[in-house]
């Protein structure tokens, strides 16, 4: 059989084998820093959170990100933060975490030997973000970074479940004070 025909047959078989809509329902927005100002998009997402805002990022130094998280907390949103313990030695990160702590936002840091290197935000079982961008001024204005905003219930629930598994893992994570 000719190769193009075999490829077409394989594609048809794969298409028929997948459940209807499998893997095709998510809406993904892609923002590149610094050109697309990804932090502006994050702040908009934070403003629209109504139930919860779970943030797991390696770096948090942007006052704008901190302000948006505190504002969400003041609106009654359940805001939680997980970050890397080594990053708490950075004065800017420590200042940001102290501000969150004073606002009543609980913070966990990793206790394990590896890095807590996620850059993930989970909002209201509907939206989650990922990519290379930390919540830093340099990540928004200077660095080559990427922020993916994924609007999909199933994917977001999976991200939420991972966050909560980390949150409830008292061996690998501890409260930052």
C-alpha atoms as a PDB file:
ATOM      1  CA  UNK A   1       0.000   0.000   0.000  1.00  0.00           C
ATOM      2  CA  UNK A   2       1.196   3.519  -0.695  1.00  0.00           C
ATOM      3  CA  UNK A   3       2.424   5.455   2.361  1.00  0.00           C
ATOM      4  CA  UNK A   4      -0.053   8.367   2.088  1.00  0.00           C
ATOM      5  CA  UNK A   5      -2.939   5.891   2.088  1.00  0.00           C
ATOM      6  CA  UNK A   6      -1.559   4.131   5.193  1.00  0.00           C
ATOM      7  CA  UNK A   7      -1.213   7.465   6.990  1.00  0.00           C
ATOM      8  CA  UNK A   8      -4.796   8.347   6.168  1.00  0.00           C
ATOM      9  CA  UNK A   9      -6.061   4.958   7.400  1.00  0.00           C
ATOM     10  CA  UNK A  10      -4.104   5.371  10.659  1.00  0.00           C
ATOM     11  CA  UNK A  11      -5.530   8.864  11.194  1.00  0.00           C
ATOM     12  CA  UNK A  12      -9.071   7.624  10.618  1.00  0.00           C
ATOM     13  CA  UNK A  13      -8.579   4.743  13.068  1.00  0.00           C
ATOM     14  CA  UNK A  14      -7.108   7.068  15.704  1.00  0.00           C
ATOM     15  CA  UNK A  15      -9.932   9.553  15.244  1.00  0.00           C
ATOM     16  CA  UNK A  16     -12.568   6.860  15.636  1.00  0.00           C
ATOM     17  CA  UNK A  17     -10.820   5.385  18.684  1.00  0.00           C
ATOM     18  CA  UNK A  18     -10.919   8.659  20.643  1.00  0.00           C
ATOM     19  CA  UNK A  19     -14.051   9.554  22.588  1.00  0.00           C
ATOM     20  CA  UNK A  20     -15.955  12.474  21.105  1.00  0.00           C
ATOM     21  CA  UNK A  21     -14.215  15.708  22.007  1.00  0.00           C
ATOM     22  CA  UNK A  22     -11.364  13.988  23.846  1.00  0.00           C
ATOM     23  CA  UNK A  23      -8.575  16.464  24.392  1.00  0.00           C
ATOM     24  CA  UNK A  24     -10.137  19.140  22.239  1.00  0.00           C
ATOM     25  CA  UNK A  25     -12.283  21.121  24.668  1.00  0.00           C
ATOM     26  CA  UNK A  26      -9.686  23.351  26.337  1.00  0.00           C
ATOM     27  CA  UNK A  27      -9.208  26.971  25.411  1.00  0.00           C
ATOM     28  CA  UNK A  28      -5.587  28.049  25.739  1.00  0.00           C
ATOM     29  CA  UNK A  29      -4.277  31.612  25.652  1.00  0.00           C
ATOM     30  CA  UNK A  30      -0.516  32.086  25.295  1.00  0.00           C
ATOM     31  CA  UNK A  31       1.308  35.186  26.540  1.00  0.00           C
ATOM     32  CA  UNK A  32       5.008  35.869  26.053  1.00  0.00           C
ATOM     33  CA  UNK A  33       6.953  38.216  28.263  1.00  0.00           C
ATOM     34  CA  UNK A  34       7.821  40.902  27.974  1.00  0.00           C
ATOM     35  CA  UNK A  35       5.834  41.701  24.813  1.00  0.00           C
ATOM     36  CA  UNK A  36       2.412  40.461  25.968  1.00  0.00           C
ATOM     37  CA  UNK A  37       2.669  41.652  29.610  1.00  0.00           C
ATOM     38  CA  UNK A  38       1.624  38.294  31.087  1.00  0.00           C
ATOM     39  CA  UNK A  39       1.353  39.679  34.617  1.00  0.00           C
ATOM     40  CA  UNK A  40      -1.500  41.934  33.466  1.00  0.00           C
ATOM     41  CA  UNK A  41      -3.424  38.832  32.390  1.00  0.00           C
ATOM     42  CA  UNK A  42      -2.723  37.155  35.738  1.00  0.00           C
ATOM     43  CA  UNK A  43      -4.025  40.192  37.617  1.00  0.00           C
ATOM     44  CA  UNK A  44      -7.244  40.085  35.580  1.00  0.00           C
ATOM     45  CA  UNK A  45      -7.663  36.406  36.411  1.00  0.00           C
ATOM     46  CA  UNK A  46      -7.102  37.145  40.098  1.00  0.00           C
ATOM     47  CA  UNK A  47      -9.777  39.861  40.011  1.00  0.00           C
ATOM     48  CA  UNK A  48     -12.301  37.372  38.628  1.00  0.00           C
ATOM     49  CA  UNK A  49     -11.646  34.644  41.221  1.00  0.00           C
ATOM     50  CA  UNK A  50     -14.741  34.103  43.364  1.00  0.00           C
ATOM     51  CA  UNK A  51     -14.096  30.891  45.335  1.00  0.00           C
ATOM     52  CA  UNK A  52     -10.414  30.098  45.430  1.00  0.00           C
ATOM     53  CA  UNK A  53      -7.020  31.130  44.106  1.00  0.00           C
ATOM     54  CA  UNK A  54      -4.242  28.567  44.587  1.00  0.00           C
ATOM     55  CA  UNK A  55      -0.786  29.803  43.607  1.00  0.00           C
ATOM     56  CA  UNK A  56       2.297  27.574  43.388  1.00  0.00           C
ATOM     57  CA  UNK A  57       5.235  29.554  42.036  1.00  0.00           C
ATOM     58  CA  UNK A  58       8.961  29.368  42.497  1.00  0.00           C
ATOM     59  CA  UNK A  59       9.449  33.134  42.459  1.00  0.00           C
ATOM     60  CA  UNK A  60       7.136  35.834  43.840  1.00  0.00           C
ATOM     61  CA  UNK A  61       8.568  39.345  43.974  1.00  0.00           C
ATOM     62  CA  UNK A  62       6.120  41.449  41.960  1.00  0.00           C
ATOM     63  CA  UNK A  63       4.247  43.938  44.165  1.00  0.00           C
ATOM     64  CA  UNK A  64       1.435  43.920  41.580  1.00  0.00           C
ATOM     65  CA  UNK A  65       0.960  40.149  41.919  1.00  0.00           C
ATOM     66  CA  UNK A  66       1.032  40.426  45.717  1.00  0.00           C
ATOM     67  CA  UNK A  67      -1.537  43.255  45.676  1.00  0.00           C
ATOM     68  CA  UNK A  68      -3.855  41.218  43.444  1.00  0.00           C
ATOM     69  CA  UNK A  69      -3.613  38.204  45.756  1.00  0.00           C
ATOM     70  CA  UNK A  70      -4.302  40.332  48.850  1.00  0.00           C
ATOM     71  CA  UNK A  71      -7.275  41.991  47.107  1.00  0.00           C
ATOM     72  CA  UNK A  72      -8.715  38.549  46.312  1.00  0.00           C
ATOM     73  CA  UNK A  73      -8.312  37.537  49.962  1.00  0.00           C
ATOM     74  CA  UNK A  74     -10.133  40.715  51.067  1.00  0.00           C
ATOM     75  CA  UNK A  75     -13.031  39.779  48.743  1.00  0.00           C
ATOM     76  CA  UNK A  76     -13.385  36.492  50.619  1.00  0.00           C
ATOM     77  CA  UNK A  77     -11.566  34.285  48.116  1.00  0.00           C
ATOM     78  CA  UNK A  78      -9.653  31.319  49.600  1.00  0.00           C
ATOM     79  CA  UNK A  79      -6.087  32.295  48.635  1.00  0.00           C
ATOM     80  CA  UNK A  80      -3.186  29.913  49.289  1.00  0.00           C
ATOM     81  CA  UNK A  81       0.468  30.028  48.286  1.00  0.00           C
ATOM     82  CA  UNK A  82       3.179  27.381  47.874  1.00  0.00           C
ATOM     83  CA  UNK A  83       6.741  28.383  47.049  1.00  0.00           C
ATOM     84  CA  UNK A  84      10.318  27.161  47.253  1.00  0.00           C
ATOM     85  CA  UNK A  85      12.074  27.483  50.604  1.00  0.00           C
ATOM     86  CA  UNK A  86      15.389  28.548  48.996  1.00  0.00           C
ATOM     87  CA  UNK A  87      13.617  31.509  47.415  1.00  0.00           C
ATOM     88  CA  UNK A  88      12.561  32.739  50.875  1.00  0.00           C
ATOM     89  CA  UNK A  89      16.182  33.827  51.380  1.00  0.00           C
ATOM     90  CA  UNK A  90      15.702  36.498  48.693  1.00  0.00           C
ATOM     91  CA  UNK A  91      14.774  39.801  50.372  1.00  0.00           C
ATOM     92  CA  UNK A  92      12.171  40.701  47.718  1.00  0.00           C
ATOM     93  CA  UNK A  93      10.502  37.307  47.980  1.00  0.00           C
ATOM     94  CA  UNK A  94      10.592  37.428  51.778  1.00  0.00           C
ATOM     95  CA  UNK A  95       8.947  40.875  51.684  1.00  0.00           C
ATOM     96  CA  UNK A  96       6.229  39.590  49.331  1.00  0.00           C
ATOM     97  CA  UNK A  97       5.567  36.554  51.522  1.00  0.00           C
ATOM     98  CA  UNK A  98       5.455  38.699  54.653  1.00  0.00           C
ATOM     99  CA  UNK A  99       2.803  40.913  53.022  1.00  0.00           C
ATOM    100  CA  UNK A 100       0.722  37.858  52.103  1.00  0.00           C
ATOM    101  CA  UNK A 101       1.142  36.434  55.609  1.00  0.00           C
ATOM    102  CA  UNK A 102      -0.024  39.707  57.207  1.00  0.00           C
ATOM    103  CA  UNK A 103      -3.120  39.582  54.969  1.00  0.00           C
ATOM    104  CA  UNK A 104      -3.958  36.123  56.336  1.00  0.00           C
ATOM    105  CA  UNK A 105      -2.870  34.158  53.277  1.00  0.00           C
ATOM    106  CA  UNK A 106      -1.367  30.809  54.322  1.00  0.00           C
ATOM    107  CA  UNK A 107       1.987  29.937  52.766  1.00  0.00           C
ATOM    108  CA  UNK A 108       3.762  26.602  52.489  1.00  0.00           C
ATOM    109  CA  UNK A 109       7.365  25.942  51.476  1.00  0.00           C
ATOM    110  CA  UNK A 110       8.937  22.681  50.391  1.00  0.00           C
ATOM    111  CA  UNK A 111      10.689  20.594  53.023  1.00  0.00           C
ATOM    112  CA  UNK A 112      12.068  18.061  50.510  1.00  0.00           C
ATOM    113  CA  UNK A 113      15.469  18.240  48.822  1.00  0.00           C
ATOM    114  CA  UNK A 114      14.170  19.168  45.370  1.00  0.00           C
ATOM    115  CA  UNK A 115      12.883  22.521  44.207  1.00  0.00           C
ATOM    116  CA  UNK A 116       9.236  23.558  44.306  1.00  0.00           C
ATOM    117  CA  UNK A 117       9.602  24.728  40.732  1.00  0.00           C
ATOM    118  CA  UNK A 118       5.991  24.892  39.558  1.00  0.00           C
ATOM    119  CA  UNK A 119       4.619  28.051  38.009  1.00  0.00           C
ATOM    120  CA  UNK A 120       0.944  27.232  38.395  1.00  0.00           C
ATOM    121  CA  UNK A 121      -2.196  29.095  39.386  1.00  0.00           C
ATOM    122  CA  UNK A 122      -5.561  27.386  39.832  1.00  0.00           C
ATOM    123  CA  UNK A 123      -8.792  29.400  39.945  1.00  0.00           C
ATOM    124  CA  UNK A 124     -12.349  28.272  40.744  1.00  0.00           C
ATOM    125  CA  UNK A 125     -12.171  24.845  39.015  1.00  0.00           C
ATOM    126  CA  UNK A 126     -12.317  26.640  35.659  1.00  0.00           C
ATOM    127  CA  UNK A 127      -8.960  28.247  34.835  1.00  0.00           C
ATOM    128  CA  UNK A 128      -5.360  27.319  35.484  1.00  0.00           C
ATOM    129  CA  UNK A 129      -2.083  28.744  34.319  1.00  0.00           C
ATOM    130  CA  UNK A 130       1.294  27.229  33.639  1.00  0.00           C
ATOM    131  CA  UNK A 131       4.461  28.112  31.766  1.00  0.00           C
ATOM    132  CA  UNK A 132       7.887  29.450  32.623  1.00  0.00           C
ATOM    133  CA  UNK A 133       6.822  32.754  34.191  1.00  0.00           C
ATOM    134  CA  UNK A 134       7.242  33.384  37.882  1.00  0.00           C
ATOM    135  CA  UNK A 135       5.348  36.212  39.580  1.00  0.00           C
ATOM    136  CA  UNK A 136       8.254  38.608  39.297  1.00  0.00           C
ATOM    137  CA  UNK A 137       8.778  42.048  37.838  1.00  0.00           C
ATOM    138  CA  UNK A 138      11.664  40.774  35.712  1.00  0.00           C
ATOM    139  CA  UNK A 139       9.514  37.873  34.519  1.00  0.00           C
ATOM    140  CA  UNK A 140       6.981  40.369  33.242  1.00  0.00           C
ATOM    141  CA  UNK A 141       9.204  43.181  31.920  1.00  0.00           C
ATOM    142  CA  UNK A 142      12.597  41.762  30.963  1.00  0.00           C
ATOM    143  CA  UNK A 143      12.822  37.986  30.692  1.00  0.00           C
ATOM    144  CA  UNK A 144      11.770  35.759  27.842  1.00  0.00           C
ATOM    145  CA  UNK A 145       8.877  34.013  29.579  1.00  0.00           C
ATOM    146  CA  UNK A 146       5.679  32.201  28.699  1.00  0.00           C
ATOM    147  CA  UNK A 147       2.315  32.100  30.451  1.00  0.00           C
ATOM    148  CA  UNK A 148      -0.369  29.663  29.279  1.00  0.00           C
ATOM    149  CA  UNK A 149      -3.917  30.318  30.486  1.00  0.00           C
ATOM    150  CA  UNK A 150      -6.011  27.156  30.199  1.00  0.00           C
ATOM    151  CA  UNK A 151      -9.793  27.366  30.474  1.00  0.00           C
ATOM    152  CA  UNK A 152     -10.940  23.797  30.958  1.00  0.00           C
ATOM    153  CA  UNK A 153     -12.790  22.286  33.905  1.00  0.00           C
ATOM    154  CA  UNK A 154     -11.215  18.800  33.791  1.00  0.00           C
ATOM    155  CA  UNK A 155      -7.646  20.053  33.406  1.00  0.00           C
ATOM    156  CA  UNK A 156      -8.162  22.656  36.117  1.00  0.00           C
ATOM    157  CA  UNK A 157      -9.612  20.110  38.542  1.00  0.00           C
ATOM    158  CA  UNK A 158      -6.512  17.957  37.974  1.00  0.00           C
ATOM    159  CA  UNK A 159      -4.292  20.980  38.701  1.00  0.00           C
ATOM    160  CA  UNK A 160      -6.369  21.768  41.809  1.00  0.00           C
ATOM    161  CA  UNK A 161      -6.064  18.186  43.038  1.00  0.00           C
ATOM    162  CA  UNK A 162      -2.269  18.306  42.606  1.00  0.00           C
ATOM    163  CA  UNK A 163      -2.089  21.600  44.509  1.00  0.00           C
ATOM    164  CA  UNK A 164      -4.223  20.221  47.348  1.00  0.00           C
ATOM    165  CA  UNK A 165      -2.173  17.010  47.480  1.00  0.00           C
ATOM    166  CA  UNK A 166       0.923  19.153  47.949  1.00  0.00           C
ATOM    167  CA  UNK A 167      -0.928  21.340  50.468  1.00  0.00           C
ATOM    168  CA  UNK A 168      -1.895  18.312  52.545  1.00  0.00           C
ATOM    169  CA  UNK A 169       1.523  16.629  52.342  1.00  0.00           C
ATOM    170  CA  UNK A 170       2.948  17.623  55.727  1.00  0.00           C
ATOM    171  CA  UNK A 171       6.086  15.575  55.119  1.00  0.00           C
ATOM    172  CA  UNK A 172       7.145  17.421  51.966  1.00  0.00           C
ATOM    173  CA  UNK A 173       5.736  20.877  52.781  1.00  0.00           C
ATOM    174  CA  UNK A 174       5.594  23.013  55.907  1.00  0.00           C
ATOM    175  CA  UNK A 175       4.072  26.330  56.900  1.00  0.00           C
ATOM    176  CA  UNK A 176       6.189  29.420  56.285  1.00  0.00           C
ATOM    177  CA  UNK A 177       6.247  31.871  59.181  1.00  0.00           C
END
